[in-house]
Amino acid sequence: MQLGTRWSVGGAAPAELPAPVLGAVAQVERELSDQGVDATSWRWTLTWLEHRPVVELDDGTVVRVDAVTGEARIHEPVDTEGDDAEGDGD
């Protein structure tokens, strides 16, 4: 794994990121804005895994490049808060 860099939500992403990743980052930021989420203090973290970028937002959202298609895939964090994990049904 090669370390990359960090940048703020709404800031300029690293120029070496492929266009599909840049588009996915922009999409996530638009969705956050549309939902009224205050992400002004959040940051993206870029690392490189097997020569492909992996971009993670502070909330756990991850953007990865599909090794076969080259498309960027957005993986939302799993929200388990409020789930009835124990199944008590009360």
N, C-alpha and C. Protein backbone atom coordinates (compact mmCIF):
# COMPACT_ATOMS: atom_id res chain seq x y z
N MET A 1 0.84 -1.16 0.00
CA MET A 1 0.00 0.00 0.00
C MET A 1 0.89 1.23 0.00
N GLN A 2 0.52 2.20 -0.81
CA GLN A 2 1.24 3.47 -0.89
C GLN A 2 0.36 4.55 -0.28
N LEU A 3 0.92 5.33 0.63
CA LEU A 3 0.16 6.42 1.21
C LEU A 3 -0.03 7.53 0.20
N GLY A 4 -1.12 8.21 0.33
CA GLY A 4 -1.44 9.30 -0.58
C GLY A 4 -1.48 10.62 0.17
N THR A 5 -2.68 11.15 0.30
CA THR A 5 -2.83 12.47 0.87
C THR A 5 -4.22 12.63 1.47
N ARG A 6 -4.45 13.77 2.10
CA ARG A 6 -5.77 14.11 2.64
C ARG A 6 -6.17 15.47 2.12
N TRP A 7 -7.48 15.67 1.96
CA TRP A 7 -7.99 16.99 1.58
C TRP A 7 -9.38 17.15 2.15
N SER A 8 -9.80 18.38 2.33
CA SER A 8 -11.09 18.70 2.92
C SER A 8 -12.23 18.51 1.94
N VAL A 9 -13.39 18.16 2.47
CA VAL A 9 -14.61 18.10 1.66
C VAL A 9 -14.81 19.47 1.02
N GLY A 10 -15.05 19.47 -0.27
CA GLY A 10 -15.22 20.72 -1.00
C GLY A 10 -13.92 21.30 -1.52
N GLY A 11 -12.80 20.74 -1.09
CA GLY A 11 -11.48 21.21 -1.54
C GLY A 11 -11.07 20.53 -2.83
N ALA A 12 -9.93 20.92 -3.32
CA ALA A 12 -9.40 20.36 -4.56
C ALA A 12 -8.82 18.96 -4.30
N ALA A 13 -9.34 17.98 -5.03
CA ALA A 13 -8.84 16.62 -4.93
C ALA A 13 -7.51 16.51 -5.68
N PRO A 14 -6.68 15.54 -5.33
CA PRO A 14 -5.41 15.35 -6.02
C PRO A 14 -5.61 15.14 -7.52
N ALA A 15 -4.82 15.81 -8.30
CA ALA A 15 -4.94 15.77 -9.77
C ALA A 15 -4.68 14.39 -10.35
N GLU A 16 -3.94 13.54 -9.65
CA GLU A 16 -3.61 12.22 -10.19
C GLU A 16 -4.76 11.21 -10.10
N LEU A 17 -5.86 11.59 -9.46
CA LEU A 17 -7.00 10.69 -9.38
C LEU A 17 -7.66 10.55 -10.75
N PRO A 18 -8.05 9.34 -11.12
CA PRO A 18 -8.73 9.16 -12.40
C PRO A 18 -10.10 9.83 -12.39
N ALA A 19 -10.58 10.20 -13.56
CA ALA A 19 -11.85 10.92 -13.70
C ALA A 19 -13.03 10.21 -13.02
N PRO A 20 -13.15 8.87 -13.12
CA PRO A 20 -14.28 8.23 -12.44
C PRO A 20 -14.27 8.43 -10.93
N VAL A 21 -13.08 8.45 -10.33
CA VAL A 21 -12.98 8.66 -8.88
C VAL A 21 -13.34 10.09 -8.54
N LEU A 22 -12.84 11.04 -9.33
CA LEU A 22 -13.18 12.44 -9.10
C LEU A 22 -14.69 12.64 -9.19
N GLY A 23 -15.32 11.98 -10.15
CA GLY A 23 -16.78 12.07 -10.30
C GLY A 23 -17.51 11.48 -9.11
N ALA A 24 -17.02 10.36 -8.59
CA ALA A 24 -17.65 9.73 -7.43
C ALA A 24 -17.50 10.60 -6.19
N VAL A 25 -16.34 11.20 -6.01
CA VAL A 25 -16.12 12.11 -4.87
C VAL A 25 -17.08 13.29 -4.97
N ALA A 26 -17.20 13.87 -6.15
CA ALA A 26 -18.12 15.00 -6.36
C ALA A 26 -19.56 14.58 -6.07
N GLN A 27 -19.94 13.37 -6.49
CA GLN A 27 -21.29 12.87 -6.24
C GLN A 27 -21.57 12.76 -4.75
N VAL A 28 -20.63 12.18 -4.00
CA VAL A 28 -20.80 12.03 -2.56
C VAL A 28 -20.95 13.42 -1.91
N GLU A 29 -20.11 14.36 -2.33
CA GLU A 29 -20.17 15.70 -1.74
C GLU A 29 -21.49 16.39 -2.07
N ARG A 30 -22.01 16.20 -3.29
CA ARG A 30 -23.32 16.76 -3.65
C ARG A 30 -24.43 16.17 -2.79
N GLU A 31 -24.37 14.84 -2.59
CA GLU A 31 -25.39 14.18 -1.78
C GLU A 31 -25.36 14.68 -0.34
N LEU A 32 -24.17 14.86 0.20
CA LEU A 32 -24.06 15.39 1.56
C LEU A 32 -24.67 16.78 1.65
N SER A 33 -24.38 17.61 0.66
CA SER A 33 -24.92 18.96 0.62
C SER A 33 -26.44 18.93 0.49
N ASP A 34 -26.95 18.08 -0.40
CA ASP A 34 -28.39 17.96 -0.61
C ASP A 34 -29.11 17.49 0.66
N GLN A 35 -28.43 16.68 1.47
CA GLN A 35 -29.02 16.16 2.70
C GLN A 35 -28.85 17.13 3.87
N GLY A 36 -28.15 18.24 3.63
CA GLY A 36 -27.94 19.22 4.69
C GLY A 36 -26.92 18.81 5.73
N VAL A 37 -26.04 17.89 5.38
CA VAL A 37 -25.01 17.41 6.31
C VAL A 37 -23.90 18.44 6.39
N ASP A 38 -23.53 18.82 7.61
CA ASP A 38 -22.41 19.74 7.80
C ASP A 38 -21.12 18.93 7.79
N ALA A 39 -20.49 18.87 6.62
CA ALA A 39 -19.26 18.09 6.46
C ALA A 39 -18.05 19.01 6.31
N THR A 40 -18.18 20.25 6.78
CA THR A 40 -17.11 21.23 6.59
C THR A 40 -15.81 20.82 7.27
N SER A 41 -15.89 20.04 8.32
CA SER A 41 -14.66 19.62 9.00
C SER A 41 -14.20 18.23 8.57
N TRP A 42 -14.95 17.59 7.66
CA TRP A 42 -14.60 16.24 7.21
C TRP A 42 -13.50 16.30 6.16
N ARG A 43 -12.74 15.20 6.11
CA ARG A 43 -11.65 15.12 5.15
C ARG A 43 -11.70 13.77 4.43
N TRP A 44 -11.18 13.80 3.21
CA TRP A 44 -10.97 12.60 2.41
C TRP A 44 -9.55 12.12 2.63
N THR A 45 -9.34 10.80 2.63
CA THR A 45 -8.01 10.22 2.73
C THR A 45 -7.78 9.33 1.51
N LEU A 46 -6.71 9.61 0.80
CA LEU A 46 -6.35 8.83 -0.39
C LEU A 46 -5.19 7.91 -0.05
N THR A 47 -5.36 6.63 -0.35
CA THR A 47 -4.26 5.67 -0.30
C THR A 47 -4.28 4.92 -1.63
N TRP A 48 -3.21 4.25 -1.91
CA TRP A 48 -3.11 3.46 -3.14
C TRP A 48 -2.93 2.01 -2.76
N LEU A 49 -3.78 1.15 -3.30
CA LEU A 49 -3.71 -0.28 -3.03
C LEU A 49 -3.62 -1.00 -4.37
N GLU A 50 -2.55 -1.72 -4.57
CA GLU A 50 -2.29 -2.41 -5.84
C GLU A 50 -2.40 -1.45 -7.01
N HIS A 51 -1.83 -0.27 -6.84
CA HIS A 51 -1.75 0.78 -7.86
C HIS A 51 -3.11 1.38 -8.23
N ARG A 52 -4.11 1.15 -7.38
CA ARG A 52 -5.42 1.75 -7.59
C ARG A 52 -5.76 2.63 -6.39
N PRO A 53 -6.42 3.77 -6.65
CA PRO A 53 -6.75 4.66 -5.54
C PRO A 53 -7.90 4.12 -4.70
N VAL A 54 -7.78 4.33 -3.40
CA VAL A 54 -8.86 4.06 -2.45
C VAL A 54 -9.04 5.37 -1.69
N VAL A 55 -10.24 5.93 -1.76
CA VAL A 55 -10.52 7.22 -1.15
C VAL A 55 -11.57 7.01 -0.07
N GLU A 56 -11.26 7.43 1.16
CA GLU A 56 -12.19 7.24 2.27
C GLU A 56 -12.51 8.57 2.93
N LEU A 57 -13.81 8.78 3.16
CA LEU A 57 -14.28 9.97 3.85
C LEU A 57 -14.33 9.69 5.35
N ASP A 58 -14.25 10.73 6.16
CA ASP A 58 -14.26 10.56 7.61
C ASP A 58 -15.47 9.79 8.13
N ASP A 59 -16.60 9.81 7.41
CA ASP A 59 -17.79 9.09 7.88
C ASP A 59 -17.76 7.61 7.52
N GLY A 60 -16.72 7.16 6.81
CA GLY A 60 -16.61 5.76 6.45
C GLY A 60 -16.96 5.45 5.00
N THR A 61 -17.46 6.43 4.26
CA THR A 61 -17.74 6.24 2.84
C THR A 61 -16.42 5.97 2.12
N VAL A 62 -16.42 4.96 1.26
CA VAL A 62 -15.20 4.58 0.54
C VAL A 62 -15.48 4.56 -0.96
N VAL A 63 -14.55 5.10 -1.73
CA VAL A 63 -14.61 5.04 -3.19
C VAL A 63 -13.44 4.18 -3.64
N ARG A 64 -13.76 3.12 -4.40
CA ARG A 64 -12.74 2.21 -4.94
C ARG A 64 -12.93 2.07 -6.44
N VAL A 65 -11.87 1.72 -7.11
CA VAL A 65 -11.93 1.48 -8.55
C VAL A 65 -12.06 -0.01 -8.79
N ASP A 66 -13.06 -0.39 -9.57
CA ASP A 66 -13.25 -1.78 -9.95
C ASP A 66 -12.09 -2.20 -10.84
N ALA A 67 -11.38 -3.25 -10.46
CA ALA A 67 -10.19 -3.69 -11.19
C ALA A 67 -10.50 -4.14 -12.61
N VAL A 68 -11.70 -4.62 -12.86
CA VAL A 68 -12.05 -5.13 -14.18
C VAL A 68 -12.58 -4.03 -15.09
N THR A 69 -13.54 -3.25 -14.59
CA THR A 69 -14.20 -2.25 -15.43
C THR A 69 -13.55 -0.88 -15.38
N GLY A 70 -12.80 -0.60 -14.32
CA GLY A 70 -12.20 0.73 -14.16
C GLY A 70 -13.18 1.75 -13.63
N GLU A 71 -14.41 1.32 -13.32
CA GLU A 71 -15.41 2.23 -12.78
C GLU A 71 -15.17 2.47 -11.30
N ALA A 72 -15.55 3.66 -10.85
CA ALA A 72 -15.47 3.97 -9.43
C ALA A 72 -16.74 3.48 -8.75
N ARG A 73 -16.58 2.83 -7.63
CA ARG A 73 -17.71 2.31 -6.85
C ARG A 73 -17.73 3.01 -5.50
N ILE A 74 -18.91 3.47 -5.11
CA ILE A 74 -19.09 4.14 -3.82
C ILE A 74 -19.66 3.12 -2.85
N HIS A 75 -18.99 2.96 -1.71
CA HIS A 75 -19.43 2.05 -0.66
C HIS A 75 -19.80 2.90 0.55
N GLU A 76 -21.10 2.96 0.82
CA GLU A 76 -21.59 3.76 1.94
C GLU A 76 -21.30 3.02 3.25
N PRO A 77 -21.08 3.78 4.33
CA PRO A 77 -20.89 3.13 5.62
C PRO A 77 -22.19 2.46 6.07
N VAL A 78 -22.07 1.38 6.79
CA VAL A 78 -23.24 0.67 7.30
C VAL A 78 -23.66 1.33 8.60
N ASP A 79 -24.93 1.75 8.67
CA ASP A 79 -25.45 2.38 9.87
C ASP A 79 -26.22 1.34 10.67
N THR A 80 -25.63 0.88 11.76
CA THR A 80 -26.29 -0.12 12.59
C THR A 80 -27.02 0.51 13.75
N GLU A 81 -26.89 1.82 13.92
CA GLU A 81 -27.57 2.52 15.00
C GLU A 81 -29.07 2.42 14.79
N GLY A 82 -29.79 2.02 15.81
CA GLY A 82 -31.23 1.90 15.71
C GLY A 82 -31.69 0.54 15.23
N ASP A 83 -30.77 -0.30 14.77
CA ASP A 83 -31.16 -1.64 14.37
C ASP A 83 -31.49 -2.48 15.59
N ASP A 84 -32.41 -3.39 15.45
CA ASP A 84 -32.76 -4.28 16.55
C ASP A 84 -31.92 -5.54 16.42
N ALA A 85 -30.62 -5.39 16.67
CA ALA A 85 -29.66 -6.47 16.46
C ALA A 85 -29.93 -7.69 17.31
N GLU A 86 -30.51 -7.48 18.49
CA GLU A 86 -30.73 -8.62 19.38
C GLU A 86 -32.10 -9.25 19.18
N GLY A 87 -32.94 -8.59 18.39
CA GLY A 87 -34.22 -9.18 18.04
C GLY A 87 -35.18 -9.29 19.20
N ASP A 88 -35.10 -8.37 20.19
CA ASP A 88 -35.99 -8.50 21.33
C ASP A 88 -37.41 -8.00 21.02
N GLY A 89 -37.56 -7.18 19.99
CA GLY A 89 -38.88 -6.80 19.51
C GLY A 89 -39.73 -6.01 20.47
N ASP A 90 -39.18 -5.45 21.52
CA ASP A 90 -39.98 -4.68 22.48
C ASP A 90 -40.46 -3.39 21.92
